[in-house]
Amino acid sequence: MSRARAILIWAVLAIAVIVPIVFAVSSPLLAWRDPVYIIAGFTGVMAMALMLLQPLLVGGYMPGLPARPGRRVHRVIGGVLVAAVVIHVVGLWITSPPDVVDALLFVSPTPFSVWGVVAMWAIFAAALLAALRKLLRLRLRTWRIGHTALAVVVVLGSAVHAMLIEGTMEPVSKALLCALVLAATIKAMVDLRVWARRTASR
C-alpha cells in the first residue's frame, strides 16, 4: 500500500470518528445539563466512535497495523468499550435511577432503551467470553462464532439505539457513523469467513 493511500485511509477514519464527537460537543442541548449527564452521554458517543475501529482492527484493514497486532489493539479497545458502557450507565443511573431501572427491566416506554440494554449485555458477554476463552477451553471456531455473534448484536443494538435517540449527536454525522460501523462489521465478517474456509480446505 502506498504512503499516500495509507494517509488517506487514516484521515478518513479520523474524520469519521472525530466529526460526530465535535458536533456533539457543540450541541445546544448540553447548555442546561448536569456534568454527570454530559459525561454519561459523551462516553456513549465515544463508544460508538470506537466501535468503528474494532472490525477494522480484526480484519487487518488499518495501514501499519496488520491483523495480528491489530487484534491485540482490538482487545485493548474492547476493554475501553466495556469501561465506557459502565460509565455511561452509571452516569445515567446517578441522574435518573427510575429510567435506568425501567430500561434494565425492559419496561421503559422509550424504544431506544431496549436496544441499548441489549447491546450492553451483549458487549459484557463478548468481553467475558474473550476473557474466559482459555479457561473454558473452547475450540477456536466455536469461540469465534460466539464472539462474532455477540459482536453483531452489539453493533446492531448500538446503531439502532443511537439512531432512535434525539440527543446531542448531530443526525447526519450520526447516521454516517452508524452506517460505517455496520459496513465495516459486515466486511470483516465476510472476509474472515472466506479466510476460514480457505484455511480449512487446505
N, C-alpha and C. Protein backbone atom coordinates (compact mmCIF):
# COMPACT_ATOMS: atom_id res chain seq x y z
N MET A 1 0.84 -1.19 0.00
CA MET A 1 0.00 0.00 0.00
C MET A 1 0.88 1.25 0.00
N SER A 2 0.55 2.21 -0.88
CA SER A 2 1.34 3.43 -0.96
C SER A 2 1.15 4.29 0.29
N ARG A 3 2.12 5.15 0.53
CA ARG A 3 2.05 6.01 1.70
C ARG A 3 0.87 6.97 1.61
N ALA A 4 0.63 7.48 0.40
CA ALA A 4 -0.47 8.43 0.21
C ALA A 4 -1.82 7.78 0.51
N ARG A 5 -1.98 6.54 0.08
CA ARG A 5 -3.24 5.84 0.34
C ARG A 5 -3.41 5.56 1.83
N ALA A 6 -2.31 5.18 2.49
CA ALA A 6 -2.37 4.93 3.93
C ALA A 6 -2.77 6.19 4.69
N ILE A 7 -2.18 7.33 4.31
CA ILE A 7 -2.51 8.59 4.96
C ILE A 7 -3.98 8.94 4.73
N LEU A 8 -4.45 8.69 3.49
CA LEU A 8 -5.85 8.98 3.16
C LEU A 8 -6.80 8.14 4.01
N ILE A 9 -6.49 6.86 4.17
CA ILE A 9 -7.34 5.96 4.97
C ILE A 9 -7.40 6.43 6.41
N TRP A 10 -6.23 6.76 6.98
CA TRP A 10 -6.20 7.24 8.36
C TRP A 10 -6.96 8.56 8.50
N ALA A 11 -6.84 9.42 7.50
CA ALA A 11 -7.52 10.72 7.55
C ALA A 11 -9.04 10.55 7.51
N VAL A 12 -9.50 9.67 6.62
CA VAL A 12 -10.94 9.41 6.53
C VAL A 12 -11.45 8.81 7.83
N LEU A 13 -10.69 7.88 8.40
CA LEU A 13 -11.08 7.25 9.66
C LEU A 13 -11.14 8.28 10.79
N ALA A 14 -10.14 9.16 10.83
CA ALA A 14 -10.11 10.21 11.87
C ALA A 14 -11.32 11.13 11.74
N ILE A 15 -11.66 11.48 10.51
CA ILE A 15 -12.82 12.35 10.28
C ILE A 15 -14.10 11.65 10.73
N ALA A 16 -14.23 10.37 10.38
CA ALA A 16 -15.43 9.62 10.73
C ALA A 16 -15.61 9.50 12.24
N VAL A 17 -14.49 9.45 12.97
CA VAL A 17 -14.56 9.32 14.43
C VAL A 17 -14.71 10.67 15.12
N ILE A 18 -13.96 11.67 14.64
CA ILE A 18 -13.90 12.96 15.33
C ILE A 18 -15.12 13.85 15.05
N VAL A 19 -15.58 13.88 13.80
CA VAL A 19 -16.67 14.80 13.43
C VAL A 19 -17.93 14.61 14.28
N PRO A 20 -18.43 13.36 14.47
CA PRO A 20 -19.62 13.21 15.33
C PRO A 20 -19.40 13.70 16.76
N ILE A 21 -18.17 13.51 17.27
CA ILE A 21 -17.86 13.96 18.63
C ILE A 21 -17.85 15.49 18.70
N VAL A 22 -17.27 16.13 17.67
CA VAL A 22 -17.22 17.59 17.63
C VAL A 22 -18.63 18.18 17.57
N PHE A 23 -19.48 17.60 16.73
CA PHE A 23 -20.87 18.07 16.65
C PHE A 23 -21.58 17.88 17.98
N ALA A 24 -21.32 16.77 18.64
CA ALA A 24 -21.97 16.51 19.94
C ALA A 24 -21.52 17.53 20.98
N VAL A 25 -20.22 17.87 20.96
CA VAL A 25 -19.69 18.85 21.91
C VAL A 25 -20.36 20.21 21.73
N SER A 26 -20.66 20.57 20.48
CA SER A 26 -21.24 21.88 20.20
C SER A 26 -22.77 21.88 20.25
N SER A 27 -23.38 20.79 20.68
CA SER A 27 -24.84 20.70 20.72
C SER A 27 -25.43 21.68 21.74
N PRO A 28 -26.46 22.42 21.33
CA PRO A 28 -27.11 23.35 22.29
C PRO A 28 -27.87 22.62 23.39
N LEU A 29 -28.11 21.33 23.21
CA LEU A 29 -28.84 20.56 24.22
C LEU A 29 -28.03 20.34 25.49
N LEU A 30 -26.74 20.67 25.43
CA LEU A 30 -25.88 20.49 26.61
C LEU A 30 -25.92 21.68 27.56
N ALA A 31 -26.55 22.76 27.12
CA ALA A 31 -26.47 24.02 27.87
C ALA A 31 -26.91 23.90 29.33
N TRP A 32 -27.98 23.16 29.59
CA TRP A 32 -28.52 23.10 30.95
C TRP A 32 -28.39 21.71 31.57
N ARG A 33 -27.52 20.90 31.04
CA ARG A 33 -27.35 19.56 31.57
C ARG A 33 -26.33 19.53 32.71
N ASP A 34 -26.52 18.59 33.64
CA ASP A 34 -25.57 18.39 34.72
C ASP A 34 -24.28 17.76 34.17
N PRO A 35 -23.13 18.04 34.80
CA PRO A 35 -21.86 17.47 34.34
C PRO A 35 -21.88 15.94 34.27
N VAL A 36 -22.54 15.29 35.24
CA VAL A 36 -22.59 13.83 35.24
C VAL A 36 -23.33 13.32 34.01
N TYR A 37 -24.43 13.98 33.67
CA TYR A 37 -25.21 13.58 32.49
C TYR A 37 -24.39 13.79 31.21
N ILE A 38 -23.66 14.88 31.14
CA ILE A 38 -22.84 15.16 29.96
C ILE A 38 -21.76 14.10 29.80
N ILE A 39 -21.10 13.74 30.91
CA ILE A 39 -20.07 12.70 30.85
C ILE A 39 -20.67 11.37 30.42
N ALA A 40 -21.84 11.04 30.97
CA ALA A 40 -22.51 9.79 30.61
C ALA A 40 -22.84 9.77 29.13
N GLY A 41 -23.34 10.89 28.63
CA GLY A 41 -23.69 10.97 27.21
C GLY A 41 -22.48 10.85 26.30
N PHE A 42 -21.39 11.52 26.68
CA PHE A 42 -20.21 11.51 25.82
C PHE A 42 -19.49 10.17 25.82
N THR A 43 -19.57 9.43 26.91
CA THR A 43 -18.98 8.09 26.87
C THR A 43 -19.74 7.21 25.89
N GLY A 44 -21.05 7.44 25.77
CA GLY A 44 -21.83 6.72 24.77
C GLY A 44 -21.42 7.08 23.36
N VAL A 45 -21.23 8.38 23.11
CA VAL A 45 -20.79 8.85 21.79
C VAL A 45 -19.42 8.29 21.45
N MET A 46 -18.50 8.34 22.41
CA MET A 46 -17.14 7.84 22.18
C MET A 46 -17.14 6.33 21.96
N ALA A 47 -18.01 5.63 22.66
CA ALA A 47 -18.09 4.18 22.48
C ALA A 47 -18.53 3.85 21.05
N MET A 48 -19.50 4.60 20.54
CA MET A 48 -19.97 4.37 19.17
C MET A 48 -18.85 4.65 18.17
N ALA A 49 -18.06 5.69 18.43
CA ALA A 49 -16.95 6.02 17.53
C ALA A 49 -15.87 4.95 17.58
N LEU A 50 -15.54 4.49 18.79
CA LEU A 50 -14.51 3.45 18.93
C LEU A 50 -14.95 2.13 18.31
N MET A 51 -16.26 1.91 18.28
CA MET A 51 -16.79 0.67 17.72
C MET A 51 -16.43 0.51 16.24
N LEU A 52 -16.21 1.64 15.56
CA LEU A 52 -15.80 1.58 14.16
C LEU A 52 -14.43 0.94 14.01
N LEU A 53 -13.57 1.12 15.00
CA LEU A 53 -12.21 0.59 14.90
C LEU A 53 -12.15 -0.93 15.05
N GLN A 54 -13.08 -1.51 15.80
CA GLN A 54 -12.99 -2.92 16.14
C GLN A 54 -12.94 -3.86 14.93
N PRO A 55 -13.89 -3.79 14.01
CA PRO A 55 -13.82 -4.69 12.84
C PRO A 55 -12.64 -4.37 11.92
N LEU A 56 -12.24 -3.10 11.88
CA LEU A 56 -11.09 -2.73 11.05
C LEU A 56 -9.80 -3.32 11.59
N LEU A 57 -9.69 -3.38 12.91
CA LEU A 57 -8.50 -3.97 13.54
C LEU A 57 -8.48 -5.47 13.35
N VAL A 58 -9.61 -6.13 13.56
CA VAL A 58 -9.68 -7.59 13.41
C VAL A 58 -9.39 -8.00 11.98
N GLY A 59 -9.91 -7.22 11.03
CA GLY A 59 -9.72 -7.57 9.62
C GLY A 59 -8.36 -7.18 9.08
N GLY A 60 -7.56 -6.43 9.85
CA GLY A 60 -6.24 -6.01 9.37
C GLY A 60 -6.31 -4.97 8.27
N TYR A 61 -7.35 -4.12 8.31
CA TYR A 61 -7.54 -3.13 7.25
C TYR A 61 -6.83 -1.80 7.51
N MET A 62 -6.32 -1.61 8.72
CA MET A 62 -5.73 -0.32 9.06
C MET A 62 -4.24 -0.31 8.72
N PRO A 63 -3.81 0.63 7.90
CA PRO A 63 -2.40 0.69 7.48
C PRO A 63 -1.47 0.78 8.69
N GLY A 64 -0.42 -0.05 8.65
CA GLY A 64 0.54 -0.06 9.75
C GLY A 64 0.16 -0.98 10.89
N LEU A 65 -1.04 -1.55 10.82
CA LEU A 65 -1.50 -2.48 11.86
C LEU A 65 -2.03 -3.75 11.20
N PRO A 66 -1.15 -4.70 10.88
CA PRO A 66 -1.60 -5.97 10.32
C PRO A 66 -2.53 -6.70 11.29
N ALA A 67 -3.13 -7.78 10.82
CA ALA A 67 -4.17 -8.47 11.59
C ALA A 67 -3.73 -8.85 13.00
N ARG A 68 -2.53 -9.45 13.15
CA ARG A 68 -2.14 -9.96 14.47
C ARG A 68 -1.96 -8.83 15.49
N PRO A 69 -1.11 -7.82 15.24
CA PRO A 69 -1.02 -6.72 16.22
C PRO A 69 -2.33 -5.94 16.31
N GLY A 70 -3.07 -5.90 15.20
CA GLY A 70 -4.36 -5.22 15.22
C GLY A 70 -5.33 -5.88 16.18
N ARG A 71 -5.26 -7.19 16.30
CA ARG A 71 -6.14 -7.91 17.23
C ARG A 71 -5.77 -7.65 18.68
N ARG A 72 -4.49 -7.39 18.93
CA ARG A 72 -4.09 -7.03 20.29
C ARG A 72 -4.67 -5.67 20.66
N VAL A 73 -4.62 -4.74 19.73
CA VAL A 73 -5.22 -3.42 19.96
C VAL A 73 -6.74 -3.57 20.09
N HIS A 74 -7.30 -4.49 19.31
CA HIS A 74 -8.73 -4.78 19.38
C HIS A 74 -9.15 -5.18 20.80
N ARG A 75 -8.33 -5.99 21.45
CA ARG A 75 -8.64 -6.42 22.81
C ARG A 75 -8.58 -5.25 23.79
N VAL A 76 -7.59 -4.37 23.59
CA VAL A 76 -7.47 -3.20 24.46
C VAL A 76 -8.70 -2.29 24.31
N ILE A 77 -9.07 -2.03 23.06
CA ILE A 77 -10.22 -1.17 22.81
C ILE A 77 -11.50 -1.83 23.32
N GLY A 78 -11.55 -3.16 23.26
CA GLY A 78 -12.69 -3.87 23.82
C GLY A 78 -12.85 -3.56 25.30
N GLY A 79 -11.73 -3.55 26.03
CA GLY A 79 -11.77 -3.19 27.44
C GLY A 79 -12.21 -1.75 27.66
N VAL A 80 -11.75 -0.85 26.79
CA VAL A 80 -12.15 0.55 26.88
C VAL A 80 -13.65 0.69 26.62
N LEU A 81 -14.17 -0.07 25.67
CA LEU A 81 -15.60 -0.03 25.37
C LEU A 81 -16.44 -0.50 26.56
N VAL A 82 -16.00 -1.56 27.21
CA VAL A 82 -16.71 -2.04 28.40
C VAL A 82 -16.73 -0.96 29.47
N ALA A 83 -15.58 -0.33 29.69
CA ALA A 83 -15.49 0.74 30.69
C ALA A 83 -16.41 1.91 30.31
N ALA A 84 -16.44 2.25 29.02
CA ALA A 84 -17.28 3.35 28.56
C ALA A 84 -18.76 3.05 28.79
N VAL A 85 -19.16 1.81 28.53
CA VAL A 85 -20.56 1.42 28.75
C VAL A 85 -20.91 1.51 30.23
N VAL A 86 -20.00 1.06 31.09
CA VAL A 86 -20.24 1.12 32.54
C VAL A 86 -20.41 2.57 32.99
N ILE A 87 -19.51 3.46 32.53
CA ILE A 87 -19.60 4.88 32.89
C ILE A 87 -20.89 5.48 32.37
N HIS A 88 -21.26 5.11 31.15
CA HIS A 88 -22.49 5.60 30.53
C HIS A 88 -23.71 5.23 31.37
N VAL A 89 -23.80 3.98 31.76
CA VAL A 89 -24.96 3.50 32.52
C VAL A 89 -24.96 4.06 33.95
N VAL A 90 -23.80 4.06 34.59
CA VAL A 90 -23.71 4.59 35.96
C VAL A 90 -24.05 6.07 35.99
N GLY A 91 -23.57 6.82 34.98
CA GLY A 91 -23.88 8.24 34.91
C GLY A 91 -25.38 8.49 34.75
N LEU A 92 -26.01 7.72 33.90
CA LEU A 92 -27.46 7.85 33.72
C LEU A 92 -28.20 7.43 34.99
N TRP A 93 -27.66 6.43 35.68
CA TRP A 93 -28.27 5.98 36.94
C TRP A 93 -28.23 7.11 37.98
N ILE A 94 -27.11 7.80 38.05
CA ILE A 94 -26.97 8.90 39.01
C ILE A 94 -27.97 10.02 38.71
N THR A 95 -28.15 10.33 37.44
CA THR A 95 -29.03 11.44 37.07
C THR A 95 -30.51 11.05 37.09
N SER A 96 -30.81 9.78 36.81
CA SER A 96 -32.22 9.37 36.80
C SER A 96 -32.35 7.86 37.04
N PRO A 97 -32.27 7.43 38.30
CA PRO A 97 -32.35 6.00 38.63
C PRO A 97 -33.61 5.29 38.10
N PRO A 98 -34.81 5.89 38.20
CA PRO A 98 -36.02 5.19 37.73
C PRO A 98 -35.95 4.84 36.23
N ASP A 99 -35.41 5.76 35.43
CA ASP A 99 -35.32 5.49 33.99
C ASP A 99 -34.38 4.32 33.70
N VAL A 100 -33.27 4.24 34.43
CA VAL A 100 -32.33 3.15 34.21
C VAL A 100 -32.93 1.83 34.67
N VAL A 101 -33.64 1.84 35.78
CA VAL A 101 -34.29 0.62 36.26
C VAL A 101 -35.31 0.13 35.24
N ASP A 102 -36.13 1.05 34.73
CA ASP A 102 -37.12 0.68 33.70
C ASP A 102 -36.45 0.09 32.47
N ALA A 103 -35.32 0.69 32.08
CA ALA A 103 -34.59 0.19 30.90
C ALA A 103 -34.06 -1.21 31.14
N LEU A 104 -33.45 -1.43 32.32
CA LEU A 104 -32.88 -2.74 32.63
C LEU A 104 -33.95 -3.82 32.75
N LEU A 105 -35.15 -3.42 33.15
CA LEU A 105 -36.25 -4.38 33.29
C LEU A 105 -37.08 -4.50 32.00
N PHE A 106 -36.65 -3.79 30.96
CA PHE A 106 -37.32 -3.80 29.65
C PHE A 106 -38.78 -3.34 29.75
N VAL A 107 -39.02 -2.36 30.61
CA VAL A 107 -40.36 -1.79 30.71
C VAL A 107 -40.34 -0.29 30.39
N SER A 108 -39.25 0.20 29.87
CA SER A 108 -39.14 1.61 29.54
C SER A 108 -40.05 1.94 28.35
N PRO A 109 -40.74 3.08 28.38
CA PRO A 109 -41.60 3.47 27.25
C PRO A 109 -40.82 3.95 26.03
N THR A 110 -39.51 4.15 26.19
CA THR A 110 -38.69 4.62 25.08
C THR A 110 -38.02 3.43 24.38
N PRO A 111 -38.32 3.20 23.11
CA PRO A 111 -37.76 2.03 22.39
C PRO A 111 -36.24 1.99 22.36
N PHE A 112 -35.59 3.16 22.34
CA PHE A 112 -34.12 3.14 22.26
C PHE A 112 -33.49 2.49 23.49
N SER A 113 -34.20 2.53 24.62
CA SER A 113 -33.65 1.93 25.84
C SER A 113 -33.47 0.43 25.70
N VAL A 114 -34.44 -0.22 25.07
CA VAL A 114 -34.38 -1.68 24.89
C VAL A 114 -33.15 -2.05 24.07
N TRP A 115 -32.95 -1.35 22.97
CA TRP A 115 -31.81 -1.65 22.10
C TRP A 115 -30.50 -1.40 22.82
N GLY A 116 -30.46 -0.33 23.63
CA GLY A 116 -29.24 -0.02 24.37
C GLY A 116 -28.91 -1.08 25.41
N VAL A 117 -29.92 -1.57 26.11
CA VAL A 117 -29.70 -2.59 27.13
C VAL A 117 -29.26 -3.91 26.49
N VAL A 118 -29.88 -4.27 25.38
CA VAL A 118 -29.49 -5.50 24.67
C VAL A 118 -28.02 -5.41 24.23
N ALA A 119 -27.65 -4.25 23.68
CA ALA A 119 -26.25 -4.05 23.26
C ALA A 119 -25.31 -4.09 24.45
N MET A 120 -25.75 -3.53 25.58
CA MET A 120 -24.92 -3.53 26.80
C MET A 120 -24.62 -4.95 27.26
N TRP A 121 -25.66 -5.77 27.40
CA TRP A 121 -25.45 -7.14 27.86
C TRP A 121 -24.61 -7.94 26.85
N ALA A 122 -24.80 -7.66 25.56
CA ALA A 122 -24.03 -8.36 24.54
C ALA A 122 -22.55 -8.00 24.61
N ILE A 123 -22.24 -6.72 24.87
CA ILE A 123 -20.82 -6.34 24.95
C ILE A 123 -20.17 -6.90 26.21
N PHE A 124 -20.94 -6.99 27.30
CA PHE A 124 -20.41 -7.63 28.51
C PHE A 124 -20.14 -9.11 28.25
N ALA A 125 -21.08 -9.76 27.56
CA ALA A 125 -20.93 -11.19 27.27
C ALA A 125 -19.75 -11.43 26.33
N ALA A 126 -19.58 -10.57 25.33
CA ALA A 126 -18.46 -10.71 24.39
C ALA A 126 -17.12 -10.55 25.11
N ALA A 127 -17.05 -9.57 26.01
CA ALA A 127 -15.81 -9.35 26.77
C ALA A 127 -15.53 -10.52 27.71
N LEU A 128 -16.58 -11.03 28.33
CA LEU A 128 -16.42 -12.16 29.25
C LEU A 128 -15.98 -13.40 28.49
N LEU A 129 -16.55 -13.61 27.33
CA LEU A 129 -16.16 -14.76 26.51
C LEU A 129 -14.70 -14.66 26.08
N ALA A 130 -14.27 -13.45 25.76
CA ALA A 130 -12.88 -13.25 25.38
C ALA A 130 -11.94 -13.50 26.55
N ALA A 131 -12.34 -13.05 27.74
CA ALA A 131 -11.50 -13.21 28.92
C ALA A 131 -11.41 -14.66 29.39
N LEU A 132 -12.49 -15.41 29.18
CA LEU A 132 -12.55 -16.78 29.68
C LEU A 132 -12.29 -17.84 28.61
N ARG A 133 -11.82 -17.40 27.47
CA ARG A 133 -11.65 -18.34 26.35
C ARG A 133 -10.77 -19.53 26.72
N LYS A 134 -9.62 -19.28 27.32
CA LYS A 134 -8.69 -20.38 27.67
C LYS A 134 -9.25 -21.21 28.82
N LEU A 135 -9.86 -20.53 29.78
CA LEU A 135 -10.40 -21.24 30.93
C LEU A 135 -11.52 -22.20 30.51
N LEU A 136 -12.34 -21.76 29.56
CA LEU A 136 -13.45 -22.59 29.09
C LEU A 136 -13.00 -23.66 28.11
N ARG A 137 -11.76 -23.54 27.63
CA ARG A 137 -11.18 -24.49 26.68
C ARG A 137 -12.06 -24.66 25.43
N LEU A 138 -12.50 -23.53 24.92
CA LEU A 138 -13.33 -23.54 23.72
C LEU A 138 -12.47 -23.72 22.48
N ARG A 139 -12.99 -24.47 21.52
CA ARG A 139 -12.30 -24.57 20.23
C ARG A 139 -12.33 -23.20 19.58
N LEU A 140 -11.28 -22.90 18.82
CA LEU A 140 -11.16 -21.57 18.21
C LEU A 140 -12.38 -21.25 17.35
N ARG A 141 -12.84 -22.22 16.57
CA ARG A 141 -14.01 -21.99 15.71
C ARG A 141 -15.25 -21.68 16.53
N THR A 142 -15.45 -22.45 17.61
CA THR A 142 -16.62 -22.22 18.47
C THR A 142 -16.56 -20.85 19.11
N TRP A 143 -15.37 -20.50 19.60
CA TRP A 143 -15.19 -19.20 20.24
C TRP A 143 -15.45 -18.07 19.25
N ARG A 144 -14.92 -18.19 18.04
CA ARG A 144 -15.11 -17.14 17.04
C ARG A 144 -16.58 -16.95 16.69
N ILE A 145 -17.30 -18.07 16.54
CA ILE A 145 -18.71 -17.98 16.21
C ILE A 145 -19.47 -17.25 17.32
N GLY A 146 -19.20 -17.63 18.56
CA GLY A 146 -19.87 -16.99 19.70
C GLY A 146 -19.52 -15.52 19.83
N HIS A 147 -18.23 -15.21 19.73
CA HIS A 147 -17.79 -13.83 19.88
C HIS A 147 -18.31 -12.96 18.74
N THR A 148 -18.29 -13.49 17.52
CA THR A 148 -18.79 -12.74 16.37
C THR A 148 -20.28 -12.50 16.47
N ALA A 149 -21.03 -13.52 16.89
CA ALA A 149 -22.48 -13.36 17.04
C ALA A 149 -22.80 -12.27 18.05
N LEU A 150 -22.08 -12.26 19.16
CA LEU A 150 -22.30 -11.23 20.17
C LEU A 150 -21.90 -9.86 19.64
N ALA A 151 -20.82 -9.80 18.87
CA ALA A 151 -20.38 -8.52 18.30
C ALA A 151 -21.44 -7.96 17.35
N VAL A 152 -22.07 -8.83 16.58
CA VAL A 152 -23.14 -8.39 15.68
C VAL A 152 -24.30 -7.80 16.47
N VAL A 153 -24.66 -8.44 17.57
CA VAL A 153 -25.74 -7.92 18.43
C VAL A 153 -25.35 -6.56 19.00
N VAL A 154 -24.09 -6.42 19.41
CA VAL A 154 -23.60 -5.15 19.94
C VAL A 154 -23.72 -4.05 18.89
N VAL A 155 -23.26 -4.33 17.68
CA VAL A 155 -23.26 -3.33 16.62
C VAL A 155 -24.69 -2.94 16.22
N LEU A 156 -25.53 -3.94 15.99
CA LEU A 156 -26.91 -3.65 15.59
C LEU A 156 -27.66 -2.92 16.71
N GLY A 157 -27.53 -3.42 17.93
CA GLY A 157 -28.21 -2.79 19.05
C GLY A 157 -27.75 -1.37 19.27
N SER A 158 -26.44 -1.14 19.19
CA SER A 158 -25.89 0.20 19.42
C SER A 158 -26.30 1.17 18.32
N ALA A 159 -26.29 0.69 17.07
CA ALA A 159 -26.67 1.54 15.94
C ALA A 159 -28.13 1.97 16.04
N VAL A 160 -29.02 1.02 16.31
CA VAL A 160 -30.44 1.35 16.45
C VAL A 160 -30.65 2.25 17.66
N HIS A 161 -29.99 1.95 18.76
CA HIS A 161 -30.07 2.75 19.98
C HIS A 161 -29.69 4.21 19.68
N ALA A 162 -28.57 4.39 18.98
CA ALA A 162 -28.10 5.74 18.66
C ALA A 162 -29.05 6.47 17.71
N MET A 163 -29.54 5.76 16.70
CA MET A 163 -30.40 6.40 15.71
C MET A 163 -31.76 6.81 16.29
N LEU A 164 -32.25 6.06 17.26
CA LEU A 164 -33.56 6.37 17.84
C LEU A 164 -33.50 7.53 18.84
N ILE A 165 -32.32 7.81 19.37
CA ILE A 165 -32.18 8.90 20.35
C ILE A 165 -32.06 10.24 19.63
N GLU A 166 -32.89 11.17 20.03
CA GLU A 166 -32.78 12.55 19.55
C GLU A 166 -32.06 13.35 20.62
N GLY A 167 -30.75 13.27 20.58
CA GLY A 167 -29.95 13.88 21.63
C GLY A 167 -28.86 14.76 21.10
N THR A 168 -27.68 14.67 21.71
CA THR A 168 -26.59 15.59 21.38
C THR A 168 -25.91 15.29 20.05
N MET A 169 -26.02 14.07 19.56
CA MET A 169 -25.36 13.74 18.30
C MET A 169 -26.11 14.35 17.12
N GLU A 170 -25.36 14.95 16.20
CA GLU A 170 -25.95 15.55 15.00
C GLU A 170 -26.47 14.43 14.10
N PRO A 171 -27.69 14.54 13.56
CA PRO A 171 -28.32 13.41 12.85
C PRO A 171 -27.54 12.85 11.67
N VAL A 172 -27.01 13.72 10.81
CA VAL A 172 -26.34 13.23 9.59
C VAL A 172 -25.03 12.52 9.93
N SER A 173 -24.20 13.16 10.74
CA SER A 173 -22.92 12.53 11.11
C SER A 173 -23.16 11.26 11.92
N LYS A 174 -24.21 11.24 12.73
CA LYS A 174 -24.55 10.04 13.49
C LYS A 174 -24.95 8.90 12.56
N ALA A 175 -25.77 9.22 11.57
CA ALA A 175 -26.22 8.20 10.62
C ALA A 175 -25.04 7.65 9.82
N LEU A 176 -24.13 8.53 9.41
CA LEU A 176 -22.96 8.09 8.65
C LEU A 176 -22.05 7.21 9.50
N LEU A 177 -21.87 7.59 10.77
CA LEU A 177 -21.03 6.79 11.66
C LEU A 177 -21.64 5.40 11.86
N CYS A 178 -22.93 5.34 12.11
CA CYS A 178 -23.60 4.05 12.29
C CYS A 178 -23.49 3.19 11.03
N ALA A 179 -23.66 3.83 9.87
CA ALA A 179 -23.57 3.10 8.60
C ALA A 179 -22.15 2.55 8.40
N LEU A 180 -21.14 3.34 8.76
CA LEU A 180 -19.75 2.89 8.62
C LEU A 180 -19.45 1.73 9.56
N VAL A 181 -19.97 1.80 10.78
CA VAL A 181 -19.76 0.71 11.73
C VAL A 181 -20.39 -0.58 11.21
N LEU A 182 -21.60 -0.48 10.70
CA LEU A 182 -22.28 -1.66 10.15
C LEU A 182 -21.54 -2.21 8.94
N ALA A 183 -21.11 -1.31 8.03
CA ALA A 183 -20.41 -1.74 6.82
C ALA A 183 -19.08 -2.41 7.15
N ALA A 184 -18.33 -1.82 8.08
CA ALA A 184 -17.03 -2.39 8.48
C ALA A 184 -17.21 -3.75 9.12
N THR A 185 -18.27 -3.90 9.93
CA THR A 185 -18.53 -5.18 10.59
C THR A 185 -18.88 -6.26 9.57
N ILE A 186 -19.74 -5.92 8.61
CA ILE A 186 -20.11 -6.88 7.57
C ILE A 186 -18.90 -7.27 6.73
N LYS A 187 -18.08 -6.27 6.37
CA LYS A 187 -16.88 -6.53 5.57
C LYS A 187 -15.93 -7.48 6.29
N ALA A 188 -15.68 -7.23 7.57
CA ALA A 188 -14.77 -8.08 8.34
C ALA A 188 -15.33 -9.49 8.47
N MET A 189 -16.63 -9.61 8.71
CA MET A 189 -17.26 -10.94 8.86
C MET A 189 -17.12 -11.75 7.58
N VAL A 190 -17.40 -11.12 6.45
CA VAL A 190 -17.33 -11.82 5.16
C VAL A 190 -15.90 -12.26 4.86
N ASP A 191 -14.94 -11.34 5.04
CA ASP A 191 -13.55 -11.65 4.73
C ASP A 191 -12.99 -12.74 5.65
N LEU A 192 -13.30 -12.66 6.93
CA LEU A 192 -12.80 -13.67 7.88
C LEU A 192 -13.43 -15.03 7.62
N ARG A 193 -14.68 -15.04 7.19
CA ARG A 193 -15.34 -16.31 6.88
C ARG A 193 -14.71 -16.95 5.66
N VAL A 194 -14.40 -16.14 4.64
CA VAL A 194 -13.74 -16.65 3.44
C VAL A 194 -12.36 -17.19 3.80
N TRP A 195 -11.62 -16.44 4.65
CA TRP A 195 -10.28 -16.88 5.06
C TRP A 195 -10.36 -18.19 5.82
N ALA A 196 -11.37 -18.33 6.70
CA ALA A 196 -11.51 -19.56 7.48
C ALA A 196 -11.81 -20.75 6.58
N ARG A 197 -12.62 -20.54 5.57
CA ARG A 197 -12.96 -21.63 4.65
C ARG A 197 -11.74 -22.05 3.84
N ARG A 198 -10.94 -21.09 3.41
CA ARG A 198 -9.74 -21.41 2.64
C ARG A 198 -8.74 -22.17 3.51
N THR A 199 -8.62 -21.75 4.77
CA THR A 199 -7.70 -22.42 5.69
C THR A 199 -8.15 -23.85 5.95
N ALA A 200 -9.45 -24.05 6.13
CA ALA A 200 -9.98 -25.40 6.41
C ALA A 200 -9.84 -26.32 5.21
N SER A 201 -9.87 -25.77 4.00
CA SER A 201 -9.81 -26.61 2.80
C SER A 201 -8.40 -27.02 2.43
N ARG A 202 -7.40 -26.43 3.08
CA ARG A 202 -6.00 -26.77 2.75
C ARG A 202 -5.57 -28.07 3.41
